[in-house]
Amino acid sequence: MRFTGAVHSGRTYDNHFVSVIAIQDRRVTHWRDYLNPVAVFQALGWLVEPR
């Protein structure tokens, strides 16, 4: 997903995320979002060493 201007720097960045949801008896019992914060750090201009 490409976000434009979503961070203060105005730079575009790519980020992938997933939401994991558990449902029991038609009710949400657990919800967790996972994303890659490094994409945001790089868009802000923070130094992030590649792995």
PDB file of N, CA and C in Angstrom:
ATOM      1  N   MET A   1       0.844  -1.163   0.000  1.00  0.00           N
ATOM      2  CA  MET A   1       0.000   0.000   0.000  1.00  0.00           C
ATOM      3  C   MET A   1       0.893   1.230   0.000  1.00  0.00           C
ATOM      4  N   ARG A   2       0.626   2.176  -0.848  1.00  0.00           N
ATOM      5  CA  ARG A   2       1.434   3.394  -0.927  1.00  0.00           C
ATOM      6  C   ARG A   2       0.670   4.538  -0.273  1.00  0.00           C
ATOM      7  N   PHE A   3       1.310   5.137   0.704  1.00  0.00           N
ATOM      8  CA  PHE A   3       0.736   6.282   1.383  1.00  0.00           C
ATOM      9  C   PHE A   3       1.452   7.526   0.889  1.00  0.00           C
ATOM     10  N   THR A   4       0.729   8.594   0.675  1.00  0.00           N
ATOM     11  CA  THR A   4       1.332   9.839   0.222  1.00  0.00           C
ATOM     12  C   THR A   4       1.100  10.922   1.254  1.00  0.00           C
ATOM     13  N   GLY A   5       2.186  11.488   1.733  1.00  0.00           N
ATOM     14  CA  GLY A   5       2.075  12.605   2.665  1.00  0.00           C
ATOM     15  C   GLY A   5       1.478  12.224   4.002  1.00  0.00           C
ATOM     16  N   ALA A   6       1.535  10.962   4.344  1.00  0.00           N
ATOM     17  CA  ALA A   6       0.942  10.529   5.605  1.00  0.00           C
ATOM     18  C   ALA A   6       1.862  10.793   6.797  1.00  0.00           C
ATOM     19  N   VAL A   7       3.101  11.106   6.509  1.00  0.00           N
ATOM     20  CA  VAL A   7       4.036  11.459   7.568  1.00  0.00           C
ATOM     21  C   VAL A   7       4.454  12.909   7.374  1.00  0.00           C
ATOM     22  N   HIS A   8       4.987  13.515   8.393  1.00  0.00           N
ATOM     23  CA  HIS A   8       5.305  14.939   8.379  1.00  0.00           C
ATOM     24  C   HIS A   8       6.245  15.341   7.243  1.00  0.00           C
ATOM     25  N   SER A   9       7.109  14.424   6.806  1.00  0.00           N
ATOM     26  CA  SER A   9       8.066  14.758   5.745  1.00  0.00           C
ATOM     27  C   SER A   9       7.392  14.946   4.385  1.00  0.00           C
ATOM     28  N   GLY A  10       6.184  14.403   4.206  1.00  0.00           N
ATOM     29  CA  GLY A  10       5.494  14.483   2.931  1.00  0.00           C
ATOM     30  C   GLY A  10       5.977  13.464   1.912  1.00  0.00           C
ATOM     31  N   ARG A  11       6.968  12.655   2.272  1.00  0.00           N
ATOM     32  CA  ARG A  11       7.474  11.621   1.368  1.00  0.00           C
ATOM     33  C   ARG A  11       6.475  10.472   1.277  1.00  0.00           C
ATOM     34  N   THR A  12       6.439   9.838   0.108  1.00  0.00           N
ATOM     35  CA  THR A  12       5.611   8.639  -0.018  1.00  0.00           C
ATOM     36  C   THR A  12       6.374   7.452   0.553  1.00  0.00           C
ATOM     37  N   TYR A  13       5.627   6.446   0.966  1.00  0.00           N
ATOM     38  CA  TYR A  13       6.271   5.243   1.479  1.00  0.00           C
ATOM     39  C   TYR A  13       5.365   4.042   1.275  1.00  0.00           C
ATOM     40  N   ASP A  14       5.989   2.869   1.178  1.00  0.00           N
ATOM     41  CA  ASP A  14       5.256   1.609   1.048  1.00  0.00           C
ATOM     42  C   ASP A  14       5.244   0.915   2.388  1.00  0.00           C
ATOM     43  N   ASN A  15       4.106   0.426   2.776  1.00  0.00           N
ATOM     44  CA  ASN A  15       4.006  -0.315   4.024  1.00  0.00           C
ATOM     45  C   ASN A  15       3.021  -1.452   3.832  1.00  0.00           C
ATOM     46  N   HIS A  16       3.339  -2.585   4.382  1.00  0.00           N
ATOM     47  CA  HIS A  16       2.456  -3.742   4.334  1.00  0.00           C
ATOM     48  C   HIS A  16       1.967  -4.023   5.740  1.00  0.00           C
ATOM     49  N   PHE A  17       0.723  -4.374   5.853  1.00  0.00           N
ATOM     50  CA  PHE A  17       0.179  -4.658   7.169  1.00  0.00           C
ATOM     51  C   PHE A  17      -0.867  -5.753   7.067  1.00  0.00           C
ATOM     52  N   VAL A  18      -1.149  -6.339   8.216  1.00  0.00           N
ATOM     53  CA  VAL A  18      -2.175  -7.371   8.293  1.00  0.00           C
ATOM     54  C   VAL A  18      -2.876  -7.234   9.639  1.00  0.00           C
ATOM     55  N   SER A  19      -4.151  -7.488   9.655  1.00  0.00           N
ATOM     56  CA  SER A  19      -4.923  -7.535  10.900  1.00  0.00           C
ATOM     57  C   SER A  19      -5.312  -8.980  11.158  1.00  0.00           C
ATOM     58  N   VAL A  20      -5.082  -9.436  12.373  1.00  0.00           N
ATOM     59  CA  VAL A  20      -5.451 -10.788  12.781  1.00  0.00           C
ATOM     60  C   VAL A  20      -6.595 -10.656  13.777  1.00  0.00           C
ATOM     61  N   ILE A  21      -7.706 -11.294  13.447  1.00  0.00           N
ATOM     62  CA  ILE A  21      -8.922 -11.155  14.257  1.00  0.00           C
ATOM     63  C   ILE A  21      -9.423 -12.537  14.647  1.00  0.00           C
ATOM     64  N   ALA A  22      -9.734 -12.698  15.924  1.00  0.00           N
ATOM     65  CA  ALA A  22     -10.350 -13.941  16.409  1.00  0.00           C
ATOM     66  C   ALA A  22     -11.810 -13.644  16.746  1.00  0.00           C
ATOM     67  N   ILE A  23     -12.689 -14.510  16.283  1.00  0.00           N
ATOM     68  CA  ILE A  23     -14.119 -14.328  16.514  1.00  0.00           C
ATOM     69  C   ILE A  23     -14.663 -15.581  17.186  1.00  0.00           C
ATOM     70  N   GLN A  24     -15.438 -15.369  18.237  1.00  0.00           N
ATOM     71  CA  GLN A  24     -16.079 -16.487  18.940  1.00  0.00           C
ATOM     72  C   GLN A  24     -17.518 -16.082  19.251  1.00  0.00           C
ATOM     73  N   ASP A  25     -18.435 -16.923  18.912  1.00  0.00           N
ATOM     74  CA  ASP A  25     -19.868 -16.643  19.123  1.00  0.00           C
ATOM     75  C   ASP A  25     -20.268 -15.299  18.508  1.00  0.00           C
ATOM     76  N   ARG A  26     -19.769 -15.060  17.279  1.00  0.00           N
ATOM     77  CA  ARG A  26     -20.093 -13.847  16.518  1.00  0.00           C
ATOM     78  C   ARG A  26     -19.596 -12.567  17.171  1.00  0.00           C
ATOM     79  N   ARG A  27     -18.621 -12.683  18.072  1.00  0.00           N
ATOM     80  CA  ARG A  27     -18.026 -11.501  18.698  1.00  0.00           C
ATOM     81  C   ARG A  27     -16.514 -11.509  18.501  1.00  0.00           C
ATOM     82  N   VAL A  28     -15.955 -10.343  18.323  1.00  0.00           N
ATOM     83  CA  VAL A  28     -14.508 -10.228  18.196  1.00  0.00           C
ATOM     84  C   VAL A  28     -13.900 -10.416  19.583  1.00  0.00           C
ATOM     85  N   THR A  29     -13.061 -11.432  19.720  1.00  0.00           N
ATOM     86  CA  THR A  29     -12.434 -11.699  21.016  1.00  0.00           C
ATOM     87  C   THR A  29     -10.968 -11.260  21.049  1.00  0.00           C
ATOM     88  N   HIS A  30     -10.376 -11.038  19.889  1.00  0.00           N
ATOM     89  CA  HIS A  30      -8.983 -10.599  19.831  1.00  0.00           C
ATOM     90  C   HIS A  30      -8.756  -9.894  18.505  1.00  0.00           C
ATOM     91  N   TRP A  31      -8.038  -8.788  18.534  1.00  0.00           N
ATOM     92  CA  TRP A  31      -7.717  -8.053  17.321  1.00  0.00           C
ATOM     93  C   TRP A  31      -6.295  -7.538  17.464  1.00  0.00           C
ATOM     94  N   ARG A  32      -5.468  -7.818  16.481  1.00  0.00           N
ATOM     95  CA  ARG A  32      -4.080  -7.359  16.524  1.00  0.00           C
ATOM     96  C   ARG A  32      -3.657  -6.937  15.124  1.00  0.00           C
ATOM     97  N   ASP A  33      -3.060  -5.764  15.021  1.00  0.00           N
ATOM     98  CA  ASP A  33      -2.547  -5.260  13.748  1.00  0.00           C
ATOM     99  C   ASP A  33      -1.027  -5.393  13.739  1.00  0.00           C
ATOM    100  N   TYR A  34      -0.496  -5.812  12.611  1.00  0.00           N
ATOM    101  CA  TYR A  34       0.944  -5.922  12.428  1.00  0.00           C
ATOM    102  C   TYR A  34       1.335  -5.080  11.217  1.00  0.00           C
ATOM    103  N   LEU A  35       2.406  -4.297  11.345  1.00  0.00           N
ATOM    104  CA  LEU A  35       2.889  -3.507  10.233  1.00  0.00           C
ATOM    105  C   LEU A  35       4.404  -3.395  10.305  1.00  0.00           C
ATOM    106  N   ASN A  36       4.977  -2.815   9.279  1.00  0.00           N
ATOM    107  CA  ASN A  36       6.419  -2.644   9.203  1.00  0.00           C
ATOM    108  C   ASN A  36       6.763  -1.198   9.547  1.00  0.00           C
ATOM    109  N   PRO A  37       7.181  -0.919  10.782  1.00  0.00           N
ATOM    110  CA  PRO A  37       7.476   0.466  11.154  1.00  0.00           C
ATOM    111  C   PRO A  37       8.709   1.034  10.463  1.00  0.00           C
ATOM    112  N   VAL A  38       9.581   0.181   9.921  1.00  0.00           N
ATOM    113  CA  VAL A  38      10.794   0.657   9.257  1.00  0.00           C
ATOM    114  C   VAL A  38      10.432   1.537   8.051  1.00  0.00           C
ATOM    115  N   ALA A  39       9.369   1.222   7.346  1.00  0.00           N
ATOM    116  CA  ALA A  39       8.950   2.039   6.203  1.00  0.00           C
ATOM    117  C   ALA A  39       8.641   3.463   6.641  1.00  0.00           C
ATOM    118  N   VAL A  40       8.008   3.610   7.785  1.00  0.00           N
ATOM    119  CA  VAL A  40       7.703   4.944   8.310  1.00  0.00           C
ATOM    120  C   VAL A  40       8.988   5.640   8.739  1.00  0.00           C
ATOM    121  N   PHE A  41       9.876   4.911   9.412  1.00  0.00           N
ATOM    122  CA  PHE A  41      11.151   5.494   9.845  1.00  0.00           C
ATOM    123  C   PHE A  41      11.927   6.036   8.644  1.00  0.00           C
ATOM    124  N   GLN A  42      11.977   5.259   7.566  1.00  0.00           N
ATOM    125  CA  GLN A  42      12.706   5.691   6.377  1.00  0.00           C
ATOM    126  C   GLN A  42      12.050   6.915   5.746  1.00  0.00           C
ATOM    127  N   ALA A  43      10.728   6.969   5.736  1.00  0.00           N
ATOM    128  CA  ALA A  43      10.022   8.122   5.177  1.00  0.00           C
ATOM    129  C   ALA A  43      10.287   9.381   5.992  1.00  0.00           C
ATOM    130  N   LEU A  44      10.503   9.197   7.297  1.00  0.00           N
ATOM    131  CA  LEU A  44      10.814  10.339   8.162  1.00  0.00           C
ATOM    132  C   LEU A  44      12.264  10.773   8.035  1.00  0.00           C
ATOM    133  N   GLY A  45      13.075   9.946   7.369  1.00  0.00           N
ATOM    134  CA  GLY A  45      14.472  10.272   7.217  1.00  0.00           C
ATOM    135  C   GLY A  45      15.349   9.747   8.333  1.00  0.00           C
ATOM    136  N   TRP A  46      14.791   8.895   9.192  1.00  0.00           N
ATOM    137  CA  TRP A  46      15.579   8.284  10.262  1.00  0.00           C
ATOM    138  C   TRP A  46      16.511   7.259   9.646  1.00  0.00           C
ATOM    139  N   LEU A  47      17.702   7.163  10.166  1.00  0.00           N
ATOM    140  CA  LEU A  47      18.651   6.183   9.665  1.00  0.00           C
ATOM    141  C   LEU A  47      18.278   4.798  10.172  1.00  0.00           C
ATOM    142  N   VAL A  48      18.056   3.904   9.236  1.00  0.00           N
ATOM    143  CA  VAL A  48      17.735   2.514   9.562  1.00  0.00           C
ATOM    144  C   VAL A  48      18.694   1.650   8.786  1.00  0.00           C
ATOM    145  N   GLU A  49      19.459   0.838   9.493  1.00  0.00           N
ATOM    146  CA  GLU A  49      20.422  -0.023   8.825  1.00  0.00           C
ATOM    147  C   GLU A  49      19.706  -1.218   8.217  1.00  0.00           C
ATOM    148  N   PRO A  50      20.016  -1.545   6.952  1.00  0.00           N
ATOM    149  CA  PRO A  50      19.377  -2.715   6.324  1.00  0.00           C
ATOM    150  C   PRO A  50      19.847  -3.997   6.988  1.00  0.00           C
ATOM    151  N   ARG A  51      18.986  -4.992   6.972  1.00  0.00           N
ATOM    152  CA  ARG A  51      19.332  -6.290   7.566  1.00  0.00           C
ATOM    153  C   ARG A  51      20.120  -7.109   6.602  1.00  0.00           C
TER     154      ARG A  51
END
